[in-house]
Amino acid sequence: LITGNNYSWNKEWNYVEINPELPFH
């Protein structure tokens, strides 16, 4: 809801990457 990007997460464990410029999803 911050960036508007869409994703499909079909696994129990999922990878995320966060930069200090925007420190949250």
PDB file of all heavy atoms in Angstrom:
ATOM      1  N   LEU A   1       0.808  -1.218   0.000  1.00  0.00           N
ATOM      2  CA  LEU A   1       0.000   0.000   0.000  1.00  0.00           C
ATOM      3  C   LEU A   1       0.841   1.268   0.000  1.00  0.00           C
ATOM      4  O   LEU A   1       0.316   2.357  -0.238  1.00  0.00           O
ATOM      5  CB  LEU A   1      -0.943  -0.002   1.204  1.00  0.00           C
ATOM      6  CG  LEU A   1      -1.986  -1.129   1.204  1.00  0.00           C
ATOM      7  CD1 LEU A   1      -2.804  -1.097   2.490  1.00  0.00           C
ATOM      8  CD2 LEU A   1      -2.902  -1.027  -0.011  1.00  0.00           C
ATOM      9  N   ILE A   2       2.136   1.143   0.258  1.00  0.00           N
ATOM     10  CA  ILE A   2       3.022   2.312   0.194  1.00  0.00           C
ATOM     11  C   ILE A   2       3.488   2.546  -1.236  1.00  0.00           C
ATOM     12  O   ILE A   2       3.434   3.671  -1.750  1.00  0.00           O
ATOM     13  CB  ILE A   2       4.246   2.129   1.117  1.00  0.00           C
ATOM     14  CG1 ILE A   2       3.800   1.861   2.557  1.00  0.00           C
ATOM     15  CG2 ILE A   2       5.156   3.353   1.046  1.00  0.00           C
ATOM     16  CD1 ILE A   2       3.100   3.006   3.233  1.00  0.00           C
ATOM     17  N   THR A   3       3.935   1.486  -1.910  1.00  0.00           N
ATOM     18  CA  THR A   3       4.505   1.633  -3.256  1.00  0.00           C
ATOM     19  C   THR A   3       3.533   1.298  -4.372  1.00  0.00           C
ATOM     20  O   THR A   3       3.752   1.689  -5.519  1.00  0.00           O
ATOM     21  CB  THR A   3       5.735   0.720  -3.400  1.00  0.00           C
ATOM     22  OG1 THR A   3       5.317  -0.654  -3.316  1.00  0.00           O
ATOM     23  CG2 THR A   3       6.752   1.001  -2.301  1.00  0.00           C
ATOM     24  N   GLY A   4       2.490   0.542  -4.054  1.00  0.00           N
ATOM     25  CA  GLY A   4       1.544   0.099  -5.083  1.00  0.00           C
ATOM     26  C   GLY A   4       1.946  -1.175  -5.798  1.00  0.00           C
ATOM     27  O   GLY A   4       1.219  -1.652  -6.674  1.00  0.00           O
ATOM     28  N   ASN A   5       3.083  -1.764  -5.465  1.00  0.00           N
ATOM     29  CA  ASN A   5       3.541  -2.997  -6.116  1.00  0.00           C
ATOM     30  C   ASN A   5       2.701  -4.192  -5.679  1.00  0.00           C
ATOM     31  O   ASN A   5       2.287  -4.299  -4.528  1.00  0.00           O
ATOM     32  CB  ASN A   5       5.011  -3.267  -5.795  1.00  0.00           C
ATOM     33  CG  ASN A   5       5.924  -2.209  -6.388  1.00  0.00           C
ATOM     34  OD1 ASN A   5       5.614  -1.614  -7.423  1.00  0.00           O
ATOM     35  ND2 ASN A   5       7.049  -1.956  -5.732  1.00  0.00           N
ATOM     36  N   ASN A   6       2.477  -5.130  -6.629  1.00  0.00           N
ATOM     37  CA  ASN A   6       1.716  -6.350  -6.365  1.00  0.00           C
ATOM     38  C   ASN A   6       2.635  -7.556  -6.366  1.00  0.00           C
ATOM     39  O   ASN A   6       3.593  -7.624  -7.145  1.00  0.00           O
ATOM     40  CB  ASN A   6       0.630  -6.546  -7.431  1.00  0.00           C
ATOM     41  CG  ASN A   6      -0.530  -5.593  -7.252  1.00  0.00           C
ATOM     42  OD1 ASN A   6      -1.453  -5.871  -6.501  1.00  0.00           O
ATOM     43  ND2 ASN A   6      -0.484  -4.459  -7.949  1.00  0.00           N
ATOM     44  N   TYR A   7       2.308  -8.541  -5.512  1.00  0.00           N
ATOM     45  CA  TYR A   7       3.105  -9.761  -5.427  1.00  0.00           C
ATOM     46  C   TYR A   7       2.178 -10.957  -5.236  1.00  0.00           C
ATOM     47  O   TYR A   7       1.054 -10.825  -4.744  1.00  0.00           O
ATOM     48  CB  TYR A   7       4.083  -9.700  -4.249  1.00  0.00           C
ATOM     49  CG  TYR A   7       4.990  -8.501  -4.251  1.00  0.00           C
ATOM     50  CD1 TYR A   7       4.625  -7.329  -3.594  1.00  0.00           C
ATOM     51  CD2 TYR A   7       6.221  -8.523  -4.911  1.00  0.00           C
ATOM     52  CE1 TYR A   7       5.450  -6.215  -3.592  1.00  0.00           C
ATOM     53  CE2 TYR A   7       7.061  -7.420  -4.912  1.00  0.00           C
ATOM     54  CZ  TYR A   7       6.665  -6.263  -4.246  1.00  0.00           C
ATOM     55  OH  TYR A   7       7.487  -5.167  -4.253  1.00  0.00           O
ATOM     56  N   SER A   8       2.680 -12.118  -5.623  1.00  0.00           N
ATOM     57  CA  SER A   8       1.989 -13.376  -5.339  1.00  0.00           C
ATOM     58  C   SER A   8       2.915 -14.214  -4.470  1.00  0.00           C
ATOM     59  O   SER A   8       4.011 -14.584  -4.902  1.00  0.00           O
ATOM     60  CB  SER A   8       1.669 -14.124  -6.647  1.00  0.00           C
ATOM     61  OG  SER A   8       1.052 -15.355  -6.355  1.00  0.00           O
ATOM     62  N   TRP A   9       2.486 -14.470  -3.251  1.00  0.00           N
ATOM     63  CA  TRP A   9       3.282 -15.277  -2.328  1.00  0.00           C
ATOM     64  C   TRP A   9       2.580 -16.615  -2.141  1.00  0.00           C
ATOM     65  O   TRP A   9       1.543 -16.696  -1.487  1.00  0.00           O
ATOM     66  CB  TRP A   9       3.423 -14.557  -0.972  1.00  0.00           C
ATOM     67  CG  TRP A   9       4.435 -13.449  -1.007  1.00  0.00           C
ATOM     68  CD1 TRP A   9       5.063 -12.935  -2.099  1.00  0.00           C
ATOM     69  CD2 TRP A   9       4.934 -12.720   0.123  1.00  0.00           C
ATOM     70  NE1 TRP A   9       5.922 -11.934  -1.738  1.00  0.00           N
ATOM     71  CE2 TRP A   9       5.872 -11.774  -0.378  1.00  0.00           C
ATOM     72  CE3 TRP A   9       4.697 -12.749   1.477  1.00  0.00           C
ATOM     73  CZ2 TRP A   9       6.557 -10.880   0.452  1.00  0.00           C
ATOM     74  CZ3 TRP A   9       5.381 -11.870   2.310  1.00  0.00           C
ATOM     75  CH2 TRP A   9       6.298 -10.952   1.800  1.00  0.00           C
ATOM     76  N   ASN A  10       3.138 -17.637  -2.744  1.00  0.00           N
ATOM     77  CA  ASN A  10       2.499 -18.951  -2.680  1.00  0.00           C
ATOM     78  C   ASN A  10       3.278 -19.946  -1.842  1.00  0.00           C
ATOM     79  O   ASN A  10       3.044 -21.147  -1.911  1.00  0.00           O
ATOM     80  CB  ASN A  10       2.283 -19.512  -4.093  1.00  0.00           C
ATOM     81  CG  ASN A  10       3.574 -19.546  -4.895  1.00  0.00           C
ATOM     82  OD1 ASN A  10       4.662 -19.397  -4.338  1.00  0.00           O
ATOM     83  ND2 ASN A  10       3.449 -19.735  -6.208  1.00  0.00           N
ATOM     84  N   LYS A  11       4.212 -19.454  -1.066  1.00  0.00           N
ATOM     85  CA  LYS A  11       4.989 -20.322  -0.192  1.00  0.00           C
ATOM     86  C   LYS A  11       4.844 -19.847   1.245  1.00  0.00           C
ATOM     87  O   LYS A  11       4.510 -18.696   1.511  1.00  0.00           O
ATOM     88  CB  LYS A  11       6.463 -20.296  -0.589  1.00  0.00           C
ATOM     89  CG  LYS A  11       6.743 -20.835  -1.987  1.00  0.00           C
ATOM     90  CD  LYS A  11       8.230 -20.728  -2.300  1.00  0.00           C
ATOM     91  CE  LYS A  11       8.523 -21.226  -3.703  1.00  0.00           C
ATOM     92  NZ  LYS A  11       9.974 -21.084  -4.040  1.00  0.00           N
ATOM     93  N   GLU A  12       5.155 -20.746   2.157  1.00  0.00           N
ATOM     94  CA  GLU A  12       5.077 -20.381   3.568  1.00  0.00           C
ATOM     95  C   GLU A  12       6.153 -19.367   3.933  1.00  0.00           C
ATOM     96  O   GLU A  12       5.908 -18.428   4.677  1.00  0.00           O
ATOM     97  CB  GLU A  12       5.219 -21.642   4.433  1.00  0.00           C
ATOM     98  CG  GLU A  12       5.024 -21.391   5.912  1.00  0.00           C
ATOM     99  CD  GLU A  12       5.040 -22.672   6.724  1.00  0.00           C
ATOM    100  OE1 GLU A  12       5.376 -23.740   6.161  1.00  0.00           O
ATOM    101  OE2 GLU A  12       4.731 -22.606   7.925  1.00  0.00           O
ATOM    102  N   TRP A  13       7.365 -19.558   3.399  1.00  0.00           N
ATOM    103  CA  TRP A  13       8.477 -18.642   3.656  1.00  0.00           C
ATOM    104  C   TRP A  13       8.749 -17.821   2.405  1.00  0.00           C
ATOM    105  O   TRP A  13       8.802 -18.364   1.304  1.00  0.00           O
ATOM    106  CB  TRP A  13       9.732 -19.415   4.048  1.00  0.00           C
ATOM    107  CG  TRP A  13       9.649 -20.005   5.432  1.00  0.00           C
ATOM    108  CD1 TRP A  13       9.120 -21.209   5.780  1.00  0.00           C
ATOM    109  CD2 TRP A  13      10.106 -19.395   6.649  1.00  0.00           C
ATOM    110  NE1 TRP A  13       9.215 -21.407   7.128  1.00  0.00           N
ATOM    111  CE2 TRP A  13       9.824 -20.305   7.698  1.00  0.00           C
ATOM    112  CE3 TRP A  13      10.721 -18.192   6.958  1.00  0.00           C
ATOM    113  CZ2 TRP A  13      10.137 -20.047   9.025  1.00  0.00           C
ATOM    114  CZ3 TRP A  13      11.034 -17.922   8.281  1.00  0.00           C
ATOM    115  CH2 TRP A  13      10.747 -18.845   9.312  1.00  0.00           C
ATOM    116  N   ASN A  14       8.917 -16.500   2.580  1.00  0.00           N
ATOM    117  CA  ASN A  14       9.107 -15.598   1.448  1.00  0.00           C
ATOM    118  C   ASN A  14      10.229 -14.606   1.744  1.00  0.00           C
ATOM    119  O   ASN A  14      10.435 -14.185   2.886  1.00  0.00           O
ATOM    120  CB  ASN A  14       7.806 -14.840   1.160  1.00  0.00           C
ATOM    121  CG  ASN A  14       6.689 -15.777   0.736  1.00  0.00           C
ATOM    122  OD1 ASN A  14       6.523 -16.072  -0.438  1.00  0.00           O
ATOM    123  ND2 ASN A  14       5.929 -16.262   1.709  1.00  0.00           N
ATOM    124  N   TYR A  15      10.914 -14.244   0.672  1.00  0.00           N
ATOM    125  CA  TYR A  15      12.083 -13.365   0.781  1.00  0.00           C
ATOM    126  C   TYR A  15      11.662 -11.905   0.712  1.00  0.00           C
ATOM    127  O   TYR A  15      10.836 -11.505  -0.120  1.00  0.00           O
ATOM    128  CB  TYR A  15      13.057 -13.667  -0.358  1.00  0.00           C
ATOM    129  CG  TYR A  15      14.249 -12.735  -0.430  1.00  0.00           C
ATOM    130  CD1 TYR A  15      15.333 -12.907   0.417  1.00  0.00           C
ATOM    131  CD2 TYR A  15      14.279 -11.676  -1.349  1.00  0.00           C
ATOM    132  CE1 TYR A  15      16.431 -12.058   0.356  1.00  0.00           C
ATOM    133  CE2 TYR A  15      15.362 -10.820  -1.423  1.00  0.00           C
ATOM    134  CZ  TYR A  15      16.439 -11.015  -0.566  1.00  0.00           C
ATOM    135  OH  TYR A  15      17.524 -10.168  -0.631  1.00  0.00           O
ATOM    136  N   VAL A  16      12.232 -11.083   1.606  1.00  0.00           N
ATOM    137  CA  VAL A  16      12.007  -9.641   1.554  1.00  0.00           C
ATOM    138  C   VAL A  16      13.350  -8.926   1.667  1.00  0.00           C
ATOM    139  O   VAL A  16      14.295  -9.436   2.267  1.00  0.00           O
ATOM    140  CB  VAL A  16      11.066  -9.147   2.678  1.00  0.00           C
ATOM    141  CG1 VAL A  16       9.679  -9.704   2.534  1.00  0.00           C
ATOM    142  CG2 VAL A  16      11.633  -9.465   4.052  1.00  0.00           C
ATOM    143  N   GLU A  17      13.370  -7.759   1.073  1.00  0.00           N
ATOM    144  CA  GLU A  17      14.558  -6.910   1.118  1.00  0.00           C
ATOM    145  C   GLU A  17      14.087  -5.502   1.454  1.00  0.00           C
ATOM    146  O   GLU A  17      13.131  -5.002   0.861  1.00  0.00           O
ATOM    147  CB  GLU A  17      15.264  -6.936  -0.234  1.00  0.00           C
ATOM    148  CG  GLU A  17      16.594  -6.205  -0.269  1.00  0.00           C
ATOM    149  CD  GLU A  17      17.292  -6.412  -1.616  1.00  0.00           C
ATOM    150  OE1 GLU A  17      17.927  -7.455  -1.795  1.00  0.00           O
ATOM    151  OE2 GLU A  17      17.144  -5.521  -2.478  1.00  0.00           O
ATOM    152  N   ILE A  18      14.750  -4.864   2.432  1.00  0.00           N
ATOM    153  CA  ILE A  18      14.305  -3.551   2.893  1.00  0.00           C
ATOM    154  C   ILE A  18      15.498  -2.601   2.936  1.00  0.00           C
ATOM    155  O   ILE A  18      16.547  -2.933   3.493  1.00  0.00           O
ATOM    156  CB  ILE A  18      13.658  -3.629   4.290  1.00  0.00           C
ATOM    157  CG1 ILE A  18      12.585  -4.716   4.336  1.00  0.00           C
ATOM    158  CG2 ILE A  18      13.051  -2.276   4.677  1.00  0.00           C
ATOM    159  CD1 ILE A  18      11.969  -4.914   5.701  1.00  0.00           C
ATOM    160  N   ASN A  19      15.305  -1.426   2.353  1.00  0.00           N
ATOM    161  CA  ASN A  19      16.342  -0.393   2.346  1.00  0.00           C
ATOM    162  C   ASN A  19      16.009   0.671   3.383  1.00  0.00           C
ATOM    163  O   ASN A  19      14.824   0.952   3.636  1.00  0.00           O
ATOM    164  CB  ASN A  19      16.438   0.250   0.964  1.00  0.00           C
ATOM    165  CG  ASN A  19      16.960  -0.725  -0.066  1.00  0.00           C
ATOM    166  OD1 ASN A  19      18.062  -1.241   0.079  1.00  0.00           O
ATOM    167  ND2 ASN A  19      16.166  -0.993  -1.104  1.00  0.00           N
ATOM    168  N   PRO A  20      17.010   1.284   3.975  1.00  0.00           N
ATOM    169  CA  PRO A  20      16.740   2.313   4.993  1.00  0.00           C
ATOM    170  C   PRO A  20      15.985   3.517   4.436  1.00  0.00           C
ATOM    171  O   PRO A  20      15.350   4.247   5.198  1.00  0.00           O
ATOM    172  CB  PRO A  20      18.133   2.693   5.502  1.00  0.00           C
ATOM    173  CG  PRO A  20      19.102   2.187   4.488  1.00  0.00           C
ATOM    174  CD  PRO A  20      18.460   1.003   3.839  1.00  0.00           C
ATOM    175  N   GLU A  21      16.041   3.722   3.109  1.00  0.00           N
ATOM    176  CA  GLU A  21      15.295   4.848   2.523  1.00  0.00           C
ATOM    177  C   GLU A  21      13.779   4.682   2.726  1.00  0.00           C
ATOM    178  O   GLU A  21      13.046   5.656   2.835  1.00  0.00           O
ATOM    179  CB  GLU A  21      15.602   4.980   1.030  1.00  0.00           C
ATOM    180  CG  GLU A  21      17.004   5.469   0.731  1.00  0.00           C
ATOM    181  CD  GLU A  21      18.055   4.361   0.874  1.00  0.00           C
ATOM    182  OE1 GLU A  21      17.661   3.175   0.977  1.00  0.00           O
ATOM    183  OE2 GLU A  21      19.262   4.684   0.905  1.00  0.00           O
ATOM    184  N   LEU A  22      13.316   3.424   2.753  1.00  0.00           N
ATOM    185  CA  LEU A  22      11.917   3.109   3.040  1.00  0.00           C
ATOM    186  C   LEU A  22      11.938   1.851   3.908  1.00  0.00           C
ATOM    187  O   LEU A  22      11.896   0.735   3.396  1.00  0.00           O
ATOM    188  CB  LEU A  22      11.125   2.867   1.747  1.00  0.00           C
ATOM    189  CG  LEU A  22       9.620   2.606   1.933  1.00  0.00           C
ATOM    190  CD1 LEU A  22       8.936   3.800   2.589  1.00  0.00           C
ATOM    191  CD2 LEU A  22       8.960   2.284   0.590  1.00  0.00           C
ATOM    192  N   PRO A  23      12.000   2.024   5.224  1.00  0.00           N
ATOM    193  CA  PRO A  23      12.335   0.897   6.099  1.00  0.00           C
ATOM    194  C   PRO A  23      11.176  -0.020   6.451  1.00  0.00           C
ATOM    195  O   PRO A  23      11.227  -0.720   7.462  1.00  0.00           O
ATOM    196  CB  PRO A  23      12.875   1.598   7.347  1.00  0.00           C
ATOM    197  CG  PRO A  23      12.137   2.893   7.383  1.00  0.00           C
ATOM    198  CD  PRO A  23      11.949   3.301   5.950  1.00  0.00           C
ATOM    199  N   PHE A  24      10.135  -0.056   5.621  1.00  0.00           N
ATOM    200  CA  PHE A  24       9.004  -0.935   5.954  1.00  0.00           C
ATOM    201  C   PHE A  24       8.203  -1.255   4.693  1.00  0.00           C
ATOM    202  O   PHE A  24       8.253  -0.547   3.683  1.00  0.00           O
ATOM    203  CB  PHE A  24       8.088  -0.285   6.996  1.00  0.00           C
ATOM    204  CG  PHE A  24       7.726   1.150   6.698  1.00  0.00           C
ATOM    205  CD1 PHE A  24       6.786   1.496   5.753  1.00  0.00           C
ATOM    206  CD2 PHE A  24       8.350   2.180   7.402  1.00  0.00           C
ATOM    207  CE1 PHE A  24       6.460   2.817   5.489  1.00  0.00           C
ATOM    208  CE2 PHE A  24       8.037   3.512   7.160  1.00  0.00           C
ATOM    209  CZ  PHE A  24       7.091   3.832   6.208  1.00  0.00           C
ATOM    210  N   HIS A  25       7.462  -2.353   4.794  1.00  0.00           N
ATOM    211  CA  HIS A  25       6.427  -2.714   3.823  1.00  0.00           C
ATOM    212  C   HIS A  25       5.097  -2.761   4.568  1.00  0.00           C
ATOM    213  O   HIS A  25       5.024  -3.236   5.702  1.00  0.00           O
ATOM    214  CB  HIS A  25       6.679  -4.089   3.210  1.00  0.00           C
ATOM    215  CG  HIS A  25       7.899  -4.181   2.346  1.00  0.00           C
ATOM    216  ND1 HIS A  25       7.996  -3.566   1.122  1.00  0.00           N
ATOM    217  CD2 HIS A  25       9.074  -4.838   2.533  1.00  0.00           C
ATOM    218  CE1 HIS A  25       9.184  -3.831   0.592  1.00  0.00           C
ATOM    219  NE2 HIS A  25       9.860  -4.599   1.435  1.00  0.00           N
TER     220      HIS A  25
END
